[in-house]
């Protein structure tokens, strides 16, 4: 694995949804590093990727957990960004957002609203949520890091860019207002 700067030289073999992520970041003037790798389905699989993403950074970089959740009736959907090493307990989140009985949303909803499949969940999928059906929730600890890492809507690549760019450029461009939570 190697840390590369910016978008792939060619779109060959890449999905349209991945290329749209690069288009968005480039249009916003966001500088980003990219690592191409085998499919990463778990946080443990991201450990080596994190090491490569950290090359040349002022601090370690880690991909955060991206959890796609819903209420019991599957009428409200949430994308939670939380540090990868932080345990997730639904009762603490439920109290902060006023929604009881949170659970993981079905893959069909993930595909419908974010154009993402399990294992590839990413904040970048919000660019596909044009009807704003998904509420973005960010654990405050995610914002303490200088860098943010995520998949570009596919789990065979990972990106690194400044957390400030996430909050000041990327999320506003996608039209979502994040709610900061403390877990």
Protein backbone atom coordinates (compact mmCIF):
# COMPACT_ATOMS: atom_id res chain seq x y z
CA UNK A 1 0.00 0.00 0.00
CA UNK A 2 1.12 3.49 -0.80
CA UNK A 3 -0.15 6.95 0.12
CA UNK A 4 -0.98 8.78 -3.10
CA UNK A 5 -1.94 12.41 -3.56
CA UNK A 6 -5.37 13.18 -5.00
CA UNK A 7 -7.58 11.31 -7.41
CA UNK A 8 -6.60 8.22 -9.41
CA UNK A 9 -4.98 8.92 -12.76
CA UNK A 10 -7.64 6.85 -14.50
CA UNK A 11 -11.29 6.04 -13.78
CA UNK A 12 -10.83 2.57 -15.28
CA UNK A 13 -12.06 -0.08 -12.87
CA UNK A 14 -13.52 2.56 -10.52
CA UNK A 15 -17.19 2.98 -9.69
CA UNK A 16 -18.99 6.20 -10.66
CA UNK A 17 -19.87 6.88 -7.01
CA UNK A 18 -16.16 6.76 -6.09
CA UNK A 19 -15.22 9.14 -8.89
CA UNK A 20 -17.99 11.54 -7.81
CA UNK A 21 -16.29 11.76 -4.39
CA UNK A 22 -13.03 12.85 -6.04
CA UNK A 23 -14.95 15.32 -8.21
CA UNK A 24 -16.56 16.84 -5.12
CA UNK A 25 -13.30 17.11 -3.15
CA UNK A 26 -11.47 18.59 -6.15
CA UNK A 27 -14.26 21.12 -6.79
CA UNK A 28 -14.00 22.27 -3.16
CA UNK A 29 -10.22 22.62 -3.28
CA UNK A 30 -9.74 19.95 -0.61
CA UNK A 31 -6.27 18.42 -0.57
CA UNK A 32 -6.42 14.71 0.16
CA UNK A 33 -4.29 11.62 0.28
CA UNK A 34 -5.54 8.28 -1.01
CA UNK A 35 -4.64 4.66 -0.34
CA UNK A 36 -5.91 1.86 -2.58
CA UNK A 37 -6.18 -1.53 -0.85
CA UNK A 38 -8.04 -4.82 -0.57
CA UNK A 39 -11.63 -4.55 0.68
CA UNK A 40 -11.64 -3.41 4.32
CA UNK A 41 -14.78 -4.75 6.00
CA UNK A 42 -13.85 -4.21 9.67
CA UNK A 43 -12.08 -1.66 11.84
CA UNK A 44 -9.32 -4.22 12.43
CA UNK A 45 -8.71 -4.42 8.70
CA UNK A 46 -8.19 -0.65 8.74
CA UNK A 47 -5.17 -0.78 11.10
CA UNK A 48 -2.57 -1.11 8.32
CA UNK A 49 -4.46 1.42 6.20
CA UNK A 50 -4.33 3.87 9.12
CA UNK A 51 -0.55 3.46 9.30
CA UNK A 52 -0.19 4.34 5.61
CA UNK A 53 -2.65 7.25 5.89
CA UNK A 54 -0.54 8.61 8.77
CA UNK A 55 2.61 8.90 6.63
CA UNK A 56 3.74 12.51 6.55
CA UNK A 57 0.92 13.70 8.83
CA UNK A 58 1.60 15.70 11.99
CA UNK A 59 -0.38 13.15 14.02
CA UNK A 60 -1.70 9.59 13.60
CA UNK A 61 -4.66 9.27 11.24
CA UNK A 62 -7.43 6.75 11.85
CA UNK A 63 -10.55 5.86 9.91
CA UNK A 64 -13.52 6.42 12.17
CA UNK A 65 -16.49 4.09 12.51
CA UNK A 66 -19.40 5.11 10.31
CA UNK A 67 -22.61 3.59 11.63
CA UNK A 68 -25.85 3.78 9.65
CA UNK A 69 -28.68 3.66 12.17
CA UNK A 70 -32.46 4.01 12.27
CA UNK A 71 -35.28 4.23 14.76
CA UNK A 72 -37.47 1.21 15.44
CA UNK A 73 -40.01 2.20 12.79
CA UNK A 74 -37.25 2.77 10.19
CA UNK A 75 -38.62 6.25 9.52
CA UNK A 76 -35.64 8.24 10.82
CA UNK A 77 -32.10 7.52 9.63
CA UNK A 78 -28.77 8.57 11.13
CA UNK A 79 -25.14 8.39 10.07
CA UNK A 80 -22.93 8.37 13.16
CA UNK A 81 -19.20 9.13 12.94
CA UNK A 82 -17.34 7.86 16.01
CA UNK A 83 -13.66 7.11 16.71
CA UNK A 84 -12.83 3.54 15.71
CA UNK A 85 -11.64 2.60 19.17
CA UNK A 86 -14.61 4.07 21.04
CA UNK A 87 -17.39 1.71 22.14
CA UNK A 88 -20.88 2.51 20.92
CA UNK A 89 -23.82 2.26 23.31
CA UNK A 90 -27.20 3.13 21.84
CA UNK A 91 -28.73 4.36 25.10
CA UNK A 92 -26.27 7.29 25.31
CA UNK A 93 -26.98 8.32 21.74
CA UNK A 94 -30.74 7.78 21.99
CA UNK A 95 -30.98 10.22 24.88
CA UNK A 96 -29.11 12.94 22.98
CA UNK A 97 -31.16 12.73 19.80
CA UNK A 98 -34.56 11.91 21.31
CA UNK A 99 -34.97 8.63 19.48
CA UNK A 100 -35.40 5.39 21.35
CA UNK A 101 -34.68 1.89 20.15
CA UNK A 102 -31.95 2.67 17.66
CA UNK A 103 -30.67 -0.19 15.55
CA UNK A 104 -28.58 -0.70 12.46
CA UNK A 105 -30.50 0.21 9.33
CA UNK A 106 -31.05 -2.34 6.61
CA UNK A 107 -28.66 -2.48 3.65
CA UNK A 108 -31.55 -1.56 1.34
CA UNK A 109 -31.97 1.80 3.11
CA UNK A 110 -28.22 2.35 3.00
CA UNK A 111 -28.26 1.79 -0.75
CA UNK A 112 -31.38 3.90 -1.30
CA UNK A 113 -30.30 6.97 0.68
CA UNK A 114 -26.50 6.93 0.50
CA UNK A 115 -25.73 4.77 -2.56
CA UNK A 116 -23.44 2.70 -0.33
CA UNK A 117 -23.22 -0.98 0.53
CA UNK A 118 -22.30 -2.54 3.90
CA UNK A 119 -18.60 -2.20 4.64
CA UNK A 120 -18.36 1.01 2.61
CA UNK A 121 -20.35 3.36 4.83
CA UNK A 122 -18.86 6.84 4.70
CA UNK A 123 -19.77 10.44 5.37
CA UNK A 124 -19.12 10.95 1.65
CA UNK A 125 -22.34 9.02 0.94
CA UNK A 126 -24.29 12.05 2.16
CA UNK A 127 -23.60 13.67 -1.21
CA UNK A 128 -26.12 11.13 -2.58
CA UNK A 129 -28.78 12.00 0.04
CA UNK A 130 -30.41 14.76 -1.98
CA UNK A 131 -33.69 14.55 -0.05
CA UNK A 132 -31.85 14.95 3.28
CA UNK A 133 -33.34 11.78 4.80
CA UNK A 134 -30.22 11.03 6.85
CA UNK A 135 -29.20 13.07 9.92
CA UNK A 136 -25.44 13.35 10.37
CA UNK A 137 -24.25 12.75 13.95
CA UNK A 138 -20.60 13.33 14.84
CA UNK A 139 -19.03 12.31 18.12
CA UNK A 140 -17.12 15.31 19.48
CA UNK A 141 -13.91 13.30 19.72
CA UNK A 142 -13.83 12.95 15.93
CA UNK A 143 -13.48 16.73 15.68
CA UNK A 144 -10.45 16.83 18.00
CA UNK A 145 -8.22 15.15 15.42
CA UNK A 146 -6.36 17.22 12.85
CA UNK A 147 -7.16 14.73 10.11
CA UNK A 148 -10.24 12.80 9.09
CA UNK A 149 -10.16 9.50 7.19
CA UNK A 150 -12.96 7.72 5.35
CA UNK A 151 -13.77 5.59 2.34
CA UNK A 152 -14.79 7.27 -0.94
CA UNK A 153 -18.11 5.32 -0.97
CA UNK A 154 -16.20 2.10 -1.68
CA UNK A 155 -14.10 0.05 0.75
CA UNK A 156 -11.16 -0.58 -1.58
CA UNK A 157 -9.79 2.95 -1.14
CA UNK A 158 -9.39 5.25 1.83
CA UNK A 159 -8.92 9.01 2.01
CA UNK A 160 -7.25 11.41 4.41
CA UNK A 161 -7.94 15.13 4.60
CA UNK A 162 -8.05 17.81 7.26
CA UNK A 163 -10.92 17.69 9.74
CA UNK A 164 -11.33 21.43 9.21
CA UNK A 165 -12.02 20.77 5.52
CA UNK A 166 -14.63 18.18 6.50
CA UNK A 167 -16.49 20.65 8.69
CA UNK A 168 -15.94 23.86 6.70
CA UNK A 169 -16.12 22.63 3.11
CA UNK A 170 -17.27 19.04 2.59
CA UNK A 171 -20.29 18.77 4.89
CA UNK A 172 -21.67 22.21 3.96
CA UNK A 173 -21.31 21.35 0.25
CA UNK A 174 -23.42 18.23 0.82
CA UNK A 175 -26.10 20.34 2.52
CA UNK A 176 -26.22 18.46 5.81
CA UNK A 177 -26.17 20.12 9.23
CA UNK A 178 -24.27 17.87 11.64
CA UNK A 179 -25.36 17.34 15.22
CA UNK A 180 -22.42 16.96 17.59
CA UNK A 181 -22.92 14.24 20.21
CA UNK A 182 -20.82 13.03 23.12
CA UNK A 183 -20.57 9.26 23.54
